[in-house]
Amino acid sequence: MAARRLPPGALSLKQFLRRQQVLQLYRKILRAIRDVPAEADRHYLKDWARQEFRRNKDATEEDAIRMMITQGNMQLQELQRTIKLAKS
């Protein structure tokens, strides 16, 4: 069987799946931010999320990316809890 060659710049399967996880987390965070009651807070949180994801966009170390995804999920849960408390 001949070895398949990926085009230059193509992601491996593992990289592709990890990228999907990151994008899914980003979308979940932005959706959660929509529920923040104060517009100024929404704007601040949206800028914060964009800045954090842009700051880490060039990360390539697998363990570091996994750790950042875990931290992002914890921050998302904390944000959701805070929004829930603010609404009650």
C-alpha atoms as a PDB file:
ATOM      1  CA  MET A   1       0.000   0.000   0.000  1.00  0.00           C
ATOM      2  CA  ALA A   2       1.401   3.355  -0.995  1.00  0.00           C
ATOM      3  CA  ALA A   3       1.882   5.988   1.678  1.00  0.00           C
ATOM      4  CA  ARG A   4      -0.579   8.851   1.466  1.00  0.00           C
ATOM      5  CA  ARG A   5       0.923  12.275   1.395  1.00  0.00           C
ATOM      6  CA  LEU A   6      -0.866  15.191   2.957  1.00  0.00           C
ATOM      7  CA  PRO A   7      -0.612  18.543   1.250  1.00  0.00           C
ATOM      8  CA  PRO A   8       1.662  21.039   2.972  1.00  0.00           C
ATOM      9  CA  GLY A   9      -0.129  22.767   5.823  1.00  0.00           C
ATOM     10  CA  ALA A  10      -2.779  20.046   6.166  1.00  0.00           C
ATOM     11  CA  LEU A  11      -3.760  19.073   9.691  1.00  0.00           C
ATOM     12  CA  SER A  12      -3.385  15.568  11.016  1.00  0.00           C
ATOM     13  CA  LEU A  13      -6.534  13.870  12.284  1.00  0.00           C
ATOM     14  CA  LYS A  14      -5.548  14.548  15.892  1.00  0.00           C
ATOM     15  CA  GLN A  15      -4.912  18.236  15.126  1.00  0.00           C
ATOM     16  CA  PHE A  16      -8.192  18.502  13.237  1.00  0.00           C
ATOM     17  CA  LEU A  17     -10.168  17.017  16.128  1.00  0.00           C
ATOM     18  CA  ARG A  18      -8.409  19.230  18.676  1.00  0.00           C
ATOM     19  CA  ARG A  19      -9.162  22.277  16.494  1.00  0.00           C
ATOM     20  CA  GLN A  20     -12.826  21.299  16.442  1.00  0.00           C
ATOM     21  CA  GLN A  21     -12.827  21.113  20.250  1.00  0.00           C
ATOM     22  CA  VAL A  22     -11.313  24.592  20.489  1.00  0.00           C
ATOM     23  CA  LEU A  23     -13.826  26.073  18.037  1.00  0.00           C
ATOM     24  CA  GLN A  24     -16.709  24.390  19.855  1.00  0.00           C
ATOM     25  CA  LEU A  25     -15.511  25.833  23.171  1.00  0.00           C
ATOM     26  CA  TYR A  26     -15.201  29.302  21.622  1.00  0.00           C
ATOM     27  CA  ARG A  27     -18.752  29.129  20.264  1.00  0.00           C
ATOM     28  CA  LYS A  28     -20.110  27.922  23.633  1.00  0.00           C
ATOM     29  CA  ILE A  29     -18.400  30.800  25.426  1.00  0.00           C
ATOM     30  CA  LEU A  30     -19.782  33.365  22.983  1.00  0.00           C
ATOM     31  CA  ARG A  31     -23.287  31.879  23.325  1.00  0.00           C
ATOM     32  CA  ALA A  32     -23.053  32.029  27.123  1.00  0.00           C
ATOM     33  CA  ILE A  33     -21.918  35.654  26.957  1.00  0.00           C
ATOM     34  CA  ARG A  34     -25.127  36.535  25.085  1.00  0.00           C
ATOM     35  CA  ASP A  35     -27.046  35.811  28.306  1.00  0.00           C
ATOM     36  CA  VAL A  36     -25.105  38.371  30.363  1.00  0.00           C
ATOM     37  CA  PRO A  37     -27.659  41.044  31.358  1.00  0.00           C
ATOM     38  CA  ALA A  38     -25.434  44.155  31.252  1.00  0.00           C
ATOM     39  CA  GLU A  39     -24.271  45.255  27.819  1.00  0.00           C
ATOM     40  CA  ALA A  40     -20.995  46.667  29.124  1.00  0.00           C
ATOM     41  CA  ASP A  41     -20.205  43.321  30.758  1.00  0.00           C
ATOM     42  CA  ARG A  42     -21.139  41.460  27.569  1.00  0.00           C
ATOM     43  CA  HIS A  43     -18.784  43.668  25.560  1.00  0.00           C
ATOM     44  CA  TYR A  44     -15.958  43.199  28.090  1.00  0.00           C
ATOM     45  CA  LEU A  45     -16.389  39.402  28.194  1.00  0.00           C
ATOM     46  CA  LYS A  46     -16.562  39.107  24.407  1.00  0.00           C
ATOM     47  CA  ASP A  47     -13.330  41.103  24.068  1.00  0.00           C
ATOM     48  CA  TRP A  48     -11.723  38.973  26.783  1.00  0.00           C
ATOM     49  CA  ALA A  49     -12.689  35.721  25.032  1.00  0.00           C
ATOM     50  CA  ARG A  50     -11.431  36.912  21.655  1.00  0.00           C
ATOM     51  CA  GLN A  51      -8.180  38.123  23.168  1.00  0.00           C
ATOM     52  CA  GLU A  52      -7.540  34.840  25.007  1.00  0.00           C
ATOM     53  CA  PHE A  53      -8.194  32.691  21.951  1.00  0.00           C
ATOM     54  CA  ARG A  54      -6.082  34.929  19.701  1.00  0.00           C
ATOM     55  CA  ARG A  55      -3.251  34.958  22.233  1.00  0.00           C
ATOM     56  CA  ASN A  56      -3.104  31.162  22.174  1.00  0.00           C
ATOM     57  CA  LYS A  57      -3.862  30.537  18.507  1.00  0.00           C
ATOM     58  CA  ASP A  58      -0.292  29.550  17.643  1.00  0.00           C
ATOM     59  CA  ALA A  59       0.013  26.929  20.382  1.00  0.00           C
ATOM     60  CA  THR A  60       1.129  23.585  18.985  1.00  0.00           C
ATOM     61  CA  GLU A  61       2.091  21.548  22.064  1.00  0.00           C
ATOM     62  CA  GLU A  62      -0.585  18.866  22.502  1.00  0.00           C
ATOM     63  CA  ASP A  63      -0.483  18.850  26.313  1.00  0.00           C
ATOM     64  CA  ALA A  64      -0.672  22.641  26.503  1.00  0.00           C
ATOM     65  CA  ILE A  65      -3.671  22.713  24.180  1.00  0.00           C
ATOM     66  CA  ARG A  66      -5.468  20.043  26.224  1.00  0.00           C
ATOM     67  CA  MET A  67      -4.771  22.008  29.396  1.00  0.00           C
ATOM     68  CA  MET A  68      -6.098  25.230  27.828  1.00  0.00           C
ATOM     69  CA  ILE A  69      -9.268  23.454  26.688  1.00  0.00           C
ATOM     70  CA  THR A  70      -9.792  22.126  30.213  1.00  0.00           C
ATOM     71  CA  GLN A  71      -9.258  25.580  31.713  1.00  0.00           C
ATOM     72  CA  GLY A  72     -11.599  27.089  29.130  1.00  0.00           C
ATOM     73  CA  ASN A  73     -14.321  24.589  29.999  1.00  0.00           C
ATOM     74  CA  MET A  74     -13.943  25.380  33.698  1.00  0.00           C
ATOM     75  CA  GLN A  75     -14.166  29.106  32.975  1.00  0.00           C
ATOM     76  CA  LEU A  76     -17.253  28.486  30.828  1.00  0.00           C
ATOM     77  CA  GLN A  77     -18.921  26.576  33.684  1.00  0.00           C
ATOM     78  CA  GLU A  78     -18.075  29.382  36.104  1.00  0.00           C
ATOM     79  CA  LEU A  79     -19.488  31.959  33.680  1.00  0.00           C
ATOM     80  CA  GLN A  80     -22.692  29.948  33.290  1.00  0.00           C
ATOM     81  CA  ARG A  81     -23.066  29.638  37.077  1.00  0.00           C
ATOM     82  CA  THR A  82     -22.499  33.368  37.520  1.00  0.00           C
ATOM     83  CA  ILE A  83     -25.065  34.235  34.846  1.00  0.00           C
ATOM     84  CA  LYS A  84     -27.569  31.886  36.432  1.00  0.00           C
ATOM     85  CA  LEU A  85     -27.063  33.564  39.831  1.00  0.00           C
ATOM     86  CA  ALA A  86     -27.366  37.026  38.293  1.00  0.00           C
ATOM     87  CA  LYS A  87     -30.714  36.112  36.717  1.00  0.00           C
ATOM     88  CA  SER A  88     -32.205  34.794  39.964  1.00  0.00           C
END
